[in-house]
Amino acid sequence: MCIKHLALLNPLIFLILILFITGSFQARGQASSVEKLSAAVQLPRFQNCNSRYIDAAPNDIRITATGDLVFSEFENINRSAFTDFMPFLKQADLVLGNLEGAITEYNQPRKPYVPGKSYSFRFPPSTANLLKQANFHVISIANNHVHDFGPIGFSDTQRYLSQVGIETTGLKSSYIIRTVKGKRIAVISLAYYPVFNNVLEIDEAANLVKEVRAKSDIVVLYYQMGAEGDSAIKISADNEIFLGENRGNPRQFAKAMVNAGAHALIGHGPHVLRAAECIDGTPILHSIGNFIGAGGLNARQFASVSVLPEILFDSNAKFKALRLIPATFTLNKFPIHDSSDKAIHLINFLNQHAQKTFSDIQPIYFQGDQTKIESFEHWLNQNLTNQIKSK
């Protein structure tokens, strides 16, 4: 009997059959999404501090972290926030995120809206589940927007995340230790305000690293530091001042933390990418850019590219290698894989500049598609020209 005759004889059975077939195709498509992505995307290889290629092993510990997360206030928009990067997040053993705002239904911001200077970011309660589904384990609350909706918003944020099993950290003297594949991994989050572990208080931060290292096998620092915007893509040798605030000295801080015993440093906050280096075998990512900007972050010019770092430690808890997955953004400012490798080429360009500025730097030069260099240089020069014009 053909489908046409079945529809005429028993419309109900016909409808059930169609729903069954449609559902089967949808399920099959979801199950194969990881395989399709792996086949379609040319992923960078892992590299060590000498930029040598290293293969990942099954027993390696894989840590990843995102740049700043600013979701939309609208739940239906946020549902597709991590779609393109879900496979990378899911395969990580530890995922860190910096939440720039409050998860709350309280709607009274603590500060006024001033274009270009003052913004308040608020996200729906469903954001906590969204982060859980994307395999986030630790959320940093050490930043300049977590108090946007005052004590109520701050408390709500921690409560909603705790309810889904996500840990928060960043307040003064706080840290988190999680056991992953038999190794104790500590996460210390910092920013440039006194209420948090403070990047400006270098001696105090170093003492905290020493204390935590005695209790753990791997110490990861995840911190907000530096000036913001296109003019801040190059790391400075001095304290960086933005909107009248001292936002720290990136290399002075990094050197002190490595000397204190940190095993990896991941910076964010400038909203753009910055140089990457190794200090005594320890990887330093000075800024990994934004990751979710739907709630109001800029995604133009240099802020239009980002990376998702994946850092490998071996079974003895020794740093092994890292790679950067390049990203750009959708119209909703959600990350998608960027086959142009602009982010990789930009970091390599910034590394070259850093070498001219700092005689003691050991930059990490990452693998990028060399056939895209000419296109990158055109994009770079265009954005540098726009930067000069805007001054």
Protein backbone atom coordinates (compact mmCIF):
# COMPACT_ATOMS: atom_id res chain seq x y z
CA MET A 1 0.00 0.00 0.00
CA CYS A 2 1.47 3.39 -0.93
CA ILE A 3 1.60 6.36 1.46
CA LYS A 4 -1.12 8.14 -0.54
CA HIS A 5 -3.55 5.25 0.02
CA LEU A 6 -2.61 5.03 3.70
CA ALA A 7 -3.42 8.69 4.16
CA LEU A 8 -6.84 8.19 2.62
CA LEU A 9 -7.69 5.08 4.66
CA ASN A 10 -6.43 6.16 8.06
CA PRO A 11 -5.34 9.80 8.48
CA LEU A 12 -4.34 9.21 12.12
CA ILE A 13 -1.93 6.38 11.28
CA PHE A 14 -0.55 8.48 8.44
CA LEU A 15 0.12 11.42 10.78
CA ILE A 16 1.87 9.18 13.32
CA LEU A 17 4.03 7.70 10.57
CA ILE A 18 5.09 11.13 9.32
CA LEU A 19 5.94 12.30 12.84
CA PHE A 20 7.98 9.14 13.44
CA ILE A 21 9.98 9.60 10.23
CA THR A 22 10.59 13.30 10.90
CA GLY A 23 11.72 12.61 14.46
CA SER A 24 14.08 9.89 13.30
CA PHE A 25 15.79 12.24 10.88
CA GLN A 26 16.10 14.96 13.52
CA ALA A 27 17.62 12.58 16.06
CA ARG A 28 20.04 11.23 13.47
CA GLY A 29 21.09 14.78 12.60
CA GLN A 30 21.72 15.69 16.24
CA ALA A 31 23.75 12.55 16.86
CA SER A 32 26.02 13.22 13.91
CA SER A 33 26.56 16.95 14.56
CA VAL A 34 29.93 16.38 16.26
CA GLU A 35 31.14 14.16 13.44
CA LYS A 36 30.00 16.65 10.80
CA LEU A 37 31.78 19.51 12.54
CA SER A 38 35.01 17.55 12.88
CA ALA A 39 34.91 16.63 9.21
CA ALA A 40 34.05 20.13 8.00
CA VAL A 41 36.40 22.18 10.18
CA GLN A 42 40.17 22.20 9.81
CA LEU A 43 41.17 22.40 13.46
CA PRO A 44 44.52 23.81 14.60
CA ARG A 45 46.99 21.38 16.11
CA PHE A 46 48.20 21.58 19.69
CA GLN A 47 51.51 23.38 20.22
CA ASN A 48 53.91 23.66 23.13
CA CYS A 49 55.84 26.71 24.34
CA ASN A 50 58.35 26.25 21.51
CA SER A 51 55.47 26.23 18.99
CA ARG A 52 56.17 22.55 18.21
CA TYR A 53 53.18 20.40 17.29
CA ILE A 54 52.07 17.96 19.98
CA ASP A 55 49.36 15.30 19.72
CA ALA A 56 46.72 15.02 22.43
CA ALA A 57 46.44 11.74 24.35
CA PRO A 58 43.28 10.18 25.87
CA ASN A 59 44.56 10.59 29.44
CA ASP A 60 45.46 14.28 29.01
CA ILE A 61 43.56 16.81 31.11
CA ARG A 62 41.85 19.30 28.79
CA ILE A 63 41.00 22.74 30.21
CA THR A 64 39.17 25.42 28.28
CA ALA A 65 37.96 28.92 29.12
CA THR A 66 35.82 31.47 27.35
CA GLY A 67 36.16 35.19 27.00
CA ASP A 68 33.51 37.47 28.46
CA LEU A 69 29.91 36.20 28.51
CA VAL A 70 27.16 38.78 28.03
CA PHE A 71 23.88 37.05 27.20
CA SER A 72 20.66 38.57 25.95
CA GLU A 73 17.85 39.38 28.39
CA PHE A 74 15.63 37.21 26.19
CA GLU A 75 15.66 33.48 26.84
CA ASN A 76 14.64 32.47 23.30
CA ILE A 77 17.62 34.32 21.80
CA ASN A 78 20.12 32.71 24.17
CA ARG A 79 19.18 29.14 23.22
CA SER A 80 21.61 29.15 20.29
CA ALA A 81 24.46 30.84 22.21
CA PHE A 82 26.89 27.90 22.18
CA THR A 83 25.61 25.88 19.21
CA ASP A 84 28.73 26.02 17.06
CA PHE A 85 31.18 25.53 19.93
CA MET A 86 29.26 22.92 21.91
CA PRO A 87 31.46 20.01 20.73
CA PHE A 88 34.60 21.77 22.00
CA LEU A 89 33.00 22.66 25.34
CA LYS A 90 31.62 19.15 25.81
CA GLN A 91 34.95 17.41 25.29
CA ALA A 92 36.75 19.52 27.92
CA ASP A 93 37.43 18.16 31.40
CA LEU A 94 37.14 21.64 32.94
CA VAL A 95 35.36 24.66 31.45
CA LEU A 96 35.70 28.18 32.87
CA GLY A 97 33.60 31.22 32.01
CA ASN A 98 33.53 34.87 33.01
CA LEU A 99 29.95 36.04 33.47
CA GLU A 100 29.76 39.79 32.88
CA GLY A 101 26.44 40.54 34.53
CA ALA A 102 23.77 39.22 36.86
CA ILE A 103 21.42 36.25 36.51
CA THR A 104 18.34 37.74 38.11
CA GLU A 105 14.73 38.83 37.64
CA TYR A 106 15.39 41.91 39.78
CA ASN A 107 15.22 44.86 37.39
CA GLN A 108 16.67 47.84 39.27
CA PRO A 109 20.23 48.54 38.03
CA ARG A 110 22.78 49.86 40.46
CA LYS A 111 24.17 52.47 38.05
CA PRO A 112 22.74 54.72 35.34
CA TYR A 113 23.07 53.96 31.64
CA VAL A 114 25.71 56.22 30.07
CA PRO A 115 26.50 55.39 26.40
CA GLY A 116 30.15 54.49 25.97
CA LYS A 117 30.81 54.53 29.71
CA SER A 118 28.24 52.74 31.84
CA TYR A 119 26.16 49.66 31.04
CA SER A 120 24.19 47.18 33.13
CA PHE A 121 23.85 43.55 32.04
CA ARG A 122 21.10 41.22 33.25
CA PHE A 123 20.30 37.65 32.17
CA PRO A 124 17.25 35.41 32.71
CA PRO A 125 17.35 32.55 35.27
CA SER A 126 17.46 30.03 32.39
CA THR A 127 21.04 31.20 31.74
CA ALA A 128 22.26 28.94 34.54
CA ASN A 129 20.84 25.85 32.84
CA LEU A 130 22.25 27.00 29.53
CA LEU A 131 25.73 27.16 31.04
CA LYS A 132 25.27 23.76 32.66
CA GLN A 133 24.19 22.19 29.37
CA ALA A 134 27.31 23.67 27.75
CA ASN A 135 29.50 21.86 30.32
CA PHE A 136 30.66 24.89 32.33
CA HIS A 137 32.07 23.91 35.71
CA VAL A 138 33.37 27.19 37.16
CA ILE A 139 32.09 30.74 36.62
CA SER A 140 34.17 33.75 37.60
CA ILE A 141 32.34 36.53 39.38
CA ALA A 142 35.46 38.71 39.53
CA ASN A 143 34.58 41.46 37.09
CA ASN A 144 33.11 44.95 36.78
CA HIS A 145 29.54 43.90 35.90
CA VAL A 146 28.60 41.17 38.37
CA HIS A 147 27.21 43.84 40.75
CA ASP A 148 25.21 45.65 38.03
CA PHE A 149 21.95 44.82 39.84
CA GLY A 150 23.25 45.29 43.34
CA PRO A 151 23.34 42.79 46.22
CA ILE A 152 20.09 41.13 45.10
CA GLY A 153 21.37 40.48 41.59
CA PHE A 154 24.73 39.30 42.93
CA SER A 155 23.10 36.88 45.36
CA ASP A 156 20.66 35.62 42.71
CA THR A 157 23.54 34.93 40.32
CA GLN A 158 25.35 32.69 42.79
CA ARG A 159 22.12 30.97 43.84
CA TYR A 160 20.99 30.12 40.30
CA LEU A 161 24.41 28.79 39.35
CA SER A 162 24.72 26.76 42.55
CA GLN A 163 21.31 25.18 41.93
CA VAL A 164 22.58 23.62 38.69
CA GLY A 165 25.91 22.55 40.16
CA ILE A 166 28.17 25.30 38.80
CA GLU A 167 30.72 26.74 41.21
CA THR A 168 31.49 30.47 41.42
CA THR A 169 34.69 32.11 42.56
CA GLY A 170 36.54 35.41 42.59
CA LEU A 171 35.82 37.06 45.92
CA LYS A 172 38.81 38.01 48.09
CA SER A 173 40.87 34.96 49.19
CA SER A 174 38.54 32.54 47.38
CA TYR A 175 39.49 29.72 45.03
CA ILE A 176 38.11 26.41 43.82
CA ILE A 177 39.77 23.01 43.69
CA ARG A 178 38.22 20.29 41.53
CA THR A 179 39.53 16.77 41.05
CA VAL A 180 39.83 15.83 37.38
CA LYS A 181 41.24 12.47 36.27
CA GLY A 182 42.82 12.04 39.68
CA LYS A 183 44.51 15.47 39.72
CA ARG A 184 43.53 18.45 41.86
CA ILE A 185 42.99 21.53 39.67
CA ALA A 186 42.75 24.89 41.39
CA VAL A 187 41.10 27.92 39.79
CA ILE A 188 41.81 31.42 41.10
CA SER A 189 39.79 34.26 39.57
CA LEU A 190 40.90 37.87 39.90
CA ALA A 191 39.99 41.39 38.83
CA TYR A 192 41.06 44.94 39.71
CA TYR A 193 38.63 45.76 42.55
CA PRO A 194 39.36 45.31 46.30
CA VAL A 195 36.39 43.00 46.91
CA PHE A 196 37.94 40.41 44.59
CA ASN A 197 41.27 38.63 44.43
CA ASN A 198 43.09 41.66 43.09
CA VAL A 199 45.51 41.83 40.13
CA LEU A 200 46.78 45.14 41.53
CA GLU A 201 47.83 43.52 44.81
CA ILE A 202 50.59 41.42 43.30
CA ASP A 203 52.27 40.28 46.52
CA GLU A 204 48.95 39.23 48.04
CA ALA A 205 47.95 37.41 44.86
CA ALA A 206 51.31 35.64 44.75
CA ASN A 207 50.87 34.49 48.35
CA LEU A 208 47.44 33.08 47.47
CA VAL A 209 48.95 31.17 44.53
CA LYS A 210 51.60 29.69 46.83
CA GLU A 211 48.97 28.69 49.37
CA VAL A 212 46.76 27.06 46.74
CA ARG A 213 49.62 25.31 44.99
CA ALA A 214 50.45 23.47 48.21
CA LYS A 215 46.93 21.97 48.09
CA SER A 216 46.70 21.17 44.37
CA ASP A 217 48.48 19.72 41.35
CA ILE A 218 47.59 22.42 38.78
CA VAL A 219 46.90 26.11 39.44
CA VAL A 220 45.03 28.07 36.77
CA LEU A 221 44.64 31.85 37.02
CA TYR A 222 41.65 33.34 35.21
CA TYR A 223 41.53 37.09 35.48
CA GLN A 224 40.14 40.41 34.26
CA MET A 225 42.90 42.90 33.51
CA GLY A 226 43.88 45.70 31.16
CA ALA A 227 42.40 48.57 29.20
CA GLU A 228 39.53 47.97 26.77
CA GLY A 229 38.79 48.26 23.08
CA ASP A 230 40.63 48.39 19.77
CA SER A 231 43.30 50.71 21.12
CA ALA A 232 44.13 48.12 23.81
CA ILE A 233 45.15 45.21 21.58
CA LYS A 234 48.85 45.69 22.41
CA ILE A 235 50.02 44.91 25.93
CA SER A 236 51.74 47.75 27.74
CA ALA A 237 54.90 47.79 29.82
CA ASP A 238 53.13 50.02 32.36
CA ASN A 239 49.98 50.04 34.43
CA GLU A 240 47.02 50.31 32.10
CA ILE A 241 44.50 53.05 32.87
CA PHE A 242 40.94 52.93 31.51
CA LEU A 243 38.04 55.22 32.47
CA GLY A 244 40.24 56.56 35.24
CA GLU A 245 40.83 53.12 36.77
CA ASN A 246 44.16 51.39 37.21
CA ARG A 247 43.62 48.01 35.54
CA GLY A 248 47.01 46.51 36.16
CA ASN A 249 50.32 45.75 34.51
CA PRO A 250 49.85 42.49 32.55
CA ARG A 251 53.44 41.29 32.23
CA GLN A 252 54.50 42.33 35.73
CA PHE A 253 51.53 40.41 37.09
CA ALA A 254 52.19 37.35 34.88
CA LYS A 255 55.85 37.09 35.87
CA ALA A 256 55.01 37.29 39.58
CA MET A 257 52.29 34.63 39.31
CA VAL A 258 54.56 32.23 37.44
CA ASN A 259 57.27 32.76 40.05
CA ALA A 260 54.68 31.97 42.72
CA GLY A 261 53.84 28.65 41.05
CA ALA A 262 50.91 29.18 38.65
CA HIS A 263 50.68 26.67 35.79
CA ALA A 264 48.51 28.61 33.31
CA LEU A 265 47.27 32.20 33.05
CA ILE A 266 44.18 33.16 31.05
CA GLY A 267 43.32 36.85 30.76
CA HIS A 268 40.13 38.56 29.62
CA GLY A 269 38.55 41.99 29.93
CA PRO A 270 40.00 44.11 27.09
CA HIS A 271 37.24 42.68 24.80
CA VAL A 272 39.89 42.10 22.13
CA LEU A 273 42.65 39.57 21.61
CA ARG A 274 46.19 40.15 22.84
CA ALA A 275 49.61 38.50 22.60
CA ALA A 276 50.35 35.05 23.99
CA GLU A 277 53.63 33.96 25.57
CA CYS A 278 55.32 31.40 27.77
CA ILE A 279 57.21 32.32 30.91
CA ASP A 280 59.42 29.50 32.21
CA GLY A 281 57.25 26.93 30.46
CA THR A 282 53.95 28.42 31.66
CA PRO A 283 51.42 29.57 29.01
CA ILE A 284 50.11 33.13 29.30
CA LEU A 285 47.13 34.26 27.23
CA HIS A 286 46.96 37.99 27.90
CA SER A 287 43.42 38.32 26.54
CA ILE A 288 41.14 35.85 24.78
CA GLY A 289 38.53 38.43 23.72
CA ASN A 290 34.76 38.10 24.05
CA PHE A 291 32.74 34.93 23.63
CA ILE A 292 29.07 35.92 24.01
CA GLY A 293 28.08 39.50 23.22
CA ALA A 294 24.31 39.33 22.66
CA GLY A 295 23.51 41.58 25.61
CA GLY A 296 25.42 44.57 24.28
CA LEU A 297 29.12 43.92 23.65
CA ASN A 298 30.75 45.33 20.54
CA ALA A 299 31.52 42.77 17.81
CA ARG A 300 33.06 45.08 15.22
CA GLN A 301 36.63 45.63 14.00
CA PHE A 302 39.15 43.88 16.30
CA ALA A 303 36.33 42.75 18.60
CA SER A 304 34.85 40.77 15.70
CA VAL A 305 37.26 37.87 16.33
CA SER A 306 37.96 35.73 19.36
CA VAL A 307 39.36 32.35 20.39
CA LEU A 308 38.47 29.39 22.57
CA PRO A 309 41.72 28.10 24.13
CA GLU A 310 42.21 24.43 24.91
CA ILE A 311 45.09 23.73 27.30
CA LEU A 312 46.46 20.22 27.82
CA PHE A 313 48.17 18.88 30.93
CA ASP A 314 49.58 15.36 30.87
CA SER A 315 48.83 12.58 33.35
CA ASN A 316 51.60 13.91 35.61
CA ALA A 317 49.91 17.35 35.74
CA LYS A 318 52.63 18.94 33.59
CA PHE A 319 51.73 21.53 30.96
CA LYS A 320 51.86 19.80 27.59
CA ALA A 321 50.41 22.01 24.84
CA LEU A 322 47.57 24.31 23.83
CA ARG A 323 45.61 25.36 20.80
CA LEU A 324 43.26 28.21 19.97
CA ILE A 325 39.99 27.58 18.15
CA PRO A 326 39.33 30.77 16.11
CA ALA A 327 35.90 32.40 16.28
CA THR A 328 33.90 35.21 14.81
CA PHE A 329 30.29 36.18 15.59
CA THR A 330 26.76 35.83 14.26
CA LEU A 331 24.37 38.78 14.01
CA ASN A 332 23.24 37.89 17.55
CA LYS A 333 26.90 38.03 18.63
CA PHE A 334 27.22 34.33 19.34
CA PRO A 335 30.50 32.60 18.45
CA ILE A 336 30.95 30.53 15.30
CA HIS A 337 34.09 28.88 14.00
CA ASP A 338 36.08 31.22 11.74
CA SER A 339 37.77 29.42 8.85
CA SER A 340 39.60 32.61 7.87
CA ASP A 341 41.84 32.23 10.95
CA LYS A 342 41.87 36.02 11.47
CA ALA A 343 42.08 35.54 15.24
CA ILE A 344 45.15 33.32 14.93
CA HIS A 345 46.89 35.69 12.53
CA LEU A 346 46.03 38.66 14.77
CA ILE A 347 47.62 37.05 17.83
CA ASN A 348 50.73 36.23 15.79
CA PHE A 349 50.87 39.85 14.62
CA LEU A 350 50.55 41.07 18.21
CA ASN A 351 53.28 38.63 19.25
CA GLN A 352 55.61 40.21 16.69
CA HIS A 353 54.87 43.65 18.11
CA ALA A 354 55.42 42.37 21.68
CA GLN A 355 58.84 41.05 20.69
CA LYS A 356 59.81 44.56 19.60
CA THR A 357 58.56 45.99 22.90
CA PHE A 358 59.84 43.40 25.38
CA SER A 359 63.31 41.91 25.03
CA ASP A 360 62.54 39.01 27.39
CA ILE A 361 59.30 37.73 25.85
CA GLN A 362 58.89 34.21 24.43
CA PRO A 363 55.79 34.46 22.25
CA ILE A 364 53.77 31.44 21.16
CA TYR A 365 53.24 31.54 17.41
CA PHE A 366 50.15 29.58 16.45
CA GLN A 367 49.29 27.59 13.35
CA GLY A 368 47.15 29.58 10.93
CA ASP A 369 46.01 29.07 7.35
CA GLN A 370 48.81 30.68 5.35
CA THR A 371 46.60 30.98 2.28
CA LYS A 372 44.50 33.52 4.23
CA ILE A 373 47.39 35.85 5.13
CA GLU A 374 46.72 38.35 2.34
CA SER A 375 43.05 38.61 3.33
CA PHE A 376 44.05 39.03 6.99
CA GLU A 377 46.54 41.79 6.21
CA HIS A 378 43.86 43.71 4.30
CA TRP A 379 41.47 43.34 7.26
CA LEU A 380 44.22 44.32 9.71
CA ASN A 381 45.24 47.46 7.82
CA GLN A 382 41.62 48.50 7.44
CA ASN A 383 41.03 48.21 11.19
CA LEU A 384 44.29 49.95 12.07
CA THR A 385 43.27 52.81 9.77
CA ASN A 386 39.86 53.01 11.44
CA GLN A 387 41.58 53.07 14.83
CA ILE A 388 43.73 56.02 13.82
CA LYS A 389 40.73 57.89 12.37
CA SER A 390 38.73 57.44 15.57
CA LYS A 391 41.38 59.14 17.71
